[in-house]
């Protein structure tokens, strides 16, 4: 049986994975769950609380605060513009 080789990017050592911060506007959410179901890193879960419209809105899952990669897929899919992400930019220290 042949060994399975996985492909690795040539610049793997020089590329860093971006980090993101998720912002949710609970009152805009209508509970469609697109952001939860299609998040590539499974960062979001549905809360047990309800907004004023009676919908369960998404929150960041416990322990996954640093898992968002700022792909912005959730903000692209959200029909109500209730969620967005921003990339956390690490300040480079001058030496």
C-alpha atoms as a PDB file:
ATOM      1  CA  UNK A   1       0.000   0.000   0.000  1.00  0.00           C
ATOM      2  CA  UNK A   2       1.427   3.372  -1.024  1.00  0.00           C
ATOM      3  CA  UNK A   3       1.984   6.109   1.561  1.00  0.00           C
ATOM      4  CA  UNK A   4      -0.337   9.074   1.292  1.00  0.00           C
ATOM      5  CA  UNK A   5       1.552  12.314   0.938  1.00  0.00           C
ATOM      6  CA  UNK A   6      -0.118  15.579   1.841  1.00  0.00           C
ATOM      7  CA  UNK A   7       0.716  18.739  -0.002  1.00  0.00           C
ATOM      8  CA  UNK A   8       2.304  21.553   1.953  1.00  0.00           C
ATOM      9  CA  UNK A   9       2.686  25.155   0.783  1.00  0.00           C
ATOM     10  CA  UNK A  10       6.234  26.128  -0.131  1.00  0.00           C
ATOM     11  CA  UNK A  11       6.105  29.241   2.056  1.00  0.00           C
ATOM     12  CA  UNK A  12       4.525  27.513   5.080  1.00  0.00           C
ATOM     13  CA  UNK A  13       7.268  28.741   7.428  1.00  0.00           C
ATOM     14  CA  UNK A  14       6.837  32.403   6.461  1.00  0.00           C
ATOM     15  CA  UNK A  15       3.024  32.645   6.415  1.00  0.00           C
ATOM     16  CA  UNK A  16       1.080  33.301   9.590  1.00  0.00           C
ATOM     17  CA  UNK A  17      -2.595  32.521  10.094  1.00  0.00           C
ATOM     18  CA  UNK A  18      -4.574  35.721  10.676  1.00  0.00           C
ATOM     19  CA  UNK A  19      -6.546  36.196  13.860  1.00  0.00           C
ATOM     20  CA  UNK A  20      -9.933  37.851  13.957  1.00  0.00           C
ATOM     21  CA  UNK A  21     -12.424  39.301  16.387  1.00  0.00           C
ATOM     22  CA  UNK A  22     -16.149  38.684  15.895  1.00  0.00           C
ATOM     23  CA  UNK A  23     -18.719  41.396  16.529  1.00  0.00           C
ATOM     24  CA  UNK A  24     -22.390  40.426  16.830  1.00  0.00           C
ATOM     25  CA  UNK A  25     -25.367  42.795  16.845  1.00  0.00           C
ATOM     26  CA  UNK A  26     -27.982  40.620  18.596  1.00  0.00           C
ATOM     27  CA  UNK A  27     -30.967  42.873  17.856  1.00  0.00           C
ATOM     28  CA  UNK A  28     -30.467  42.535  14.086  1.00  0.00           C
ATOM     29  CA  UNK A  29     -30.299  38.716  14.139  1.00  0.00           C
ATOM     30  CA  UNK A  30     -33.260  36.713  12.811  1.00  0.00           C
ATOM     31  CA  UNK A  31     -31.871  33.300  13.761  1.00  0.00           C
ATOM     32  CA  UNK A  32     -31.088  31.931  10.289  1.00  0.00           C
ATOM     33  CA  UNK A  33     -27.960  30.139  11.639  1.00  0.00           C
ATOM     34  CA  UNK A  34     -26.003  30.675   8.396  1.00  0.00           C
ATOM     35  CA  UNK A  35     -23.045  32.059  10.348  1.00  0.00           C
ATOM     36  CA  UNK A  36     -23.079  29.086  12.740  1.00  0.00           C
ATOM     37  CA  UNK A  37     -23.549  26.379  10.117  1.00  0.00           C
ATOM     38  CA  UNK A  38     -20.995  27.668   7.610  1.00  0.00           C
ATOM     39  CA  UNK A  39     -18.162  28.898   9.861  1.00  0.00           C
ATOM     40  CA  UNK A  40     -15.061  27.007   8.694  1.00  0.00           C
ATOM     41  CA  UNK A  41     -13.608  26.913  12.218  1.00  0.00           C
ATOM     42  CA  UNK A  42     -16.870  26.217  14.140  1.00  0.00           C
ATOM     43  CA  UNK A  43     -16.362  29.321  16.259  1.00  0.00           C
ATOM     44  CA  UNK A  44     -20.039  30.228  16.733  1.00  0.00           C
ATOM     45  CA  UNK A  45     -22.862  28.589  18.677  1.00  0.00           C
ATOM     46  CA  UNK A  46     -26.477  29.558  19.282  1.00  0.00           C
ATOM     47  CA  UNK A  47     -27.213  31.230  22.597  1.00  0.00           C
ATOM     48  CA  UNK A  48     -30.067  30.205  24.875  1.00  0.00           C
ATOM     49  CA  UNK A  49     -31.036  33.862  25.248  1.00  0.00           C
ATOM     50  CA  UNK A  50     -33.406  35.631  22.857  1.00  0.00           C
ATOM     51  CA  UNK A  51     -33.282  39.070  21.328  1.00  0.00           C
ATOM     52  CA  UNK A  52     -36.279  41.443  21.318  1.00  0.00           C
ATOM     53  CA  UNK A  53     -37.629  39.756  18.160  1.00  0.00           C
ATOM     54  CA  UNK A  54     -37.632  36.344  19.839  1.00  0.00           C
ATOM     55  CA  UNK A  55     -34.685  34.808  17.974  1.00  0.00           C
ATOM     56  CA  UNK A  56     -31.683  32.972  19.366  1.00  0.00           C
ATOM     57  CA  UNK A  57     -28.595  34.806  18.149  1.00  0.00           C
ATOM     58  CA  UNK A  58     -25.022  33.480  17.756  1.00  0.00           C
ATOM     59  CA  UNK A  59     -22.222  33.897  20.259  1.00  0.00           C
ATOM     60  CA  UNK A  60     -18.586  32.859  20.249  1.00  0.00           C
ATOM     61  CA  UNK A  61     -18.265  29.334  21.623  1.00  0.00           C
ATOM     62  CA  UNK A  62     -16.508  28.979  24.956  1.00  0.00           C
ATOM     63  CA  UNK A  63     -12.827  28.274  24.434  1.00  0.00           C
ATOM     64  CA  UNK A  64     -12.898  29.355  20.772  1.00  0.00           C
ATOM     65  CA  UNK A  65     -12.213  33.066  21.308  1.00  0.00           C
ATOM     66  CA  UNK A  66      -8.866  32.810  19.500  1.00  0.00           C
ATOM     67  CA  UNK A  67     -10.023  30.518  16.665  1.00  0.00           C
ATOM     68  CA  UNK A  68     -11.497  33.115  14.282  1.00  0.00           C
ATOM     69  CA  UNK A  69      -9.315  33.625  11.200  1.00  0.00           C
ATOM     70  CA  UNK A  70     -11.184  36.747   9.982  1.00  0.00           C
ATOM     71  CA  UNK A  71     -12.356  35.064   6.782  1.00  0.00           C
ATOM     72  CA  UNK A  72     -15.493  37.248   6.934  1.00  0.00           C
ATOM     73  CA  UNK A  73     -17.631  34.391   5.642  1.00  0.00           C
ATOM     74  CA  UNK A  74     -20.182  34.994   8.407  1.00  0.00           C
ATOM     75  CA  UNK A  75     -20.598  38.645   7.448  1.00  0.00           C
ATOM     76  CA  UNK A  76     -20.944  37.757   3.767  1.00  0.00           C
ATOM     77  CA  UNK A  77     -23.685  35.202   4.489  1.00  0.00           C
ATOM     78  CA  UNK A  78     -25.679  37.201   7.048  1.00  0.00           C
ATOM     79  CA  UNK A  79     -28.814  38.584   5.363  1.00  0.00           C
ATOM     80  CA  UNK A  80     -29.409  41.031   8.233  1.00  0.00           C
ATOM     81  CA  UNK A  81     -25.840  42.402   8.607  1.00  0.00           C
ATOM     82  CA  UNK A  82     -25.902  41.252  12.251  1.00  0.00           C
ATOM     83  CA  UNK A  83     -22.326  39.967  12.390  1.00  0.00           C
ATOM     84  CA  UNK A  84     -18.928  41.061  11.150  1.00  0.00           C
ATOM     85  CA  UNK A  85     -15.264  40.350  11.815  1.00  0.00           C
ATOM     86  CA  UNK A  86     -12.132  42.425  11.978  1.00  0.00           C
ATOM     87  CA  UNK A  87      -8.609  41.153  11.661  1.00  0.00           C
ATOM     88  CA  UNK A  88      -6.446  41.636  14.718  1.00  0.00           C
ATOM     89  CA  UNK A  89      -3.255  43.269  13.503  1.00  0.00           C
ATOM     90  CA  UNK A  90      -0.196  42.510  15.564  1.00  0.00           C
ATOM     91  CA  UNK A  91       2.036  45.520  15.841  1.00  0.00           C
ATOM     92  CA  UNK A  92       5.512  44.767  14.644  1.00  0.00           C
ATOM     93  CA  UNK A  93       8.167  45.920  17.041  1.00  0.00           C
ATOM     94  CA  UNK A  94      10.965  47.902  15.474  1.00  0.00           C
ATOM     95  CA  UNK A  95      14.381  46.642  16.367  1.00  0.00           C
END
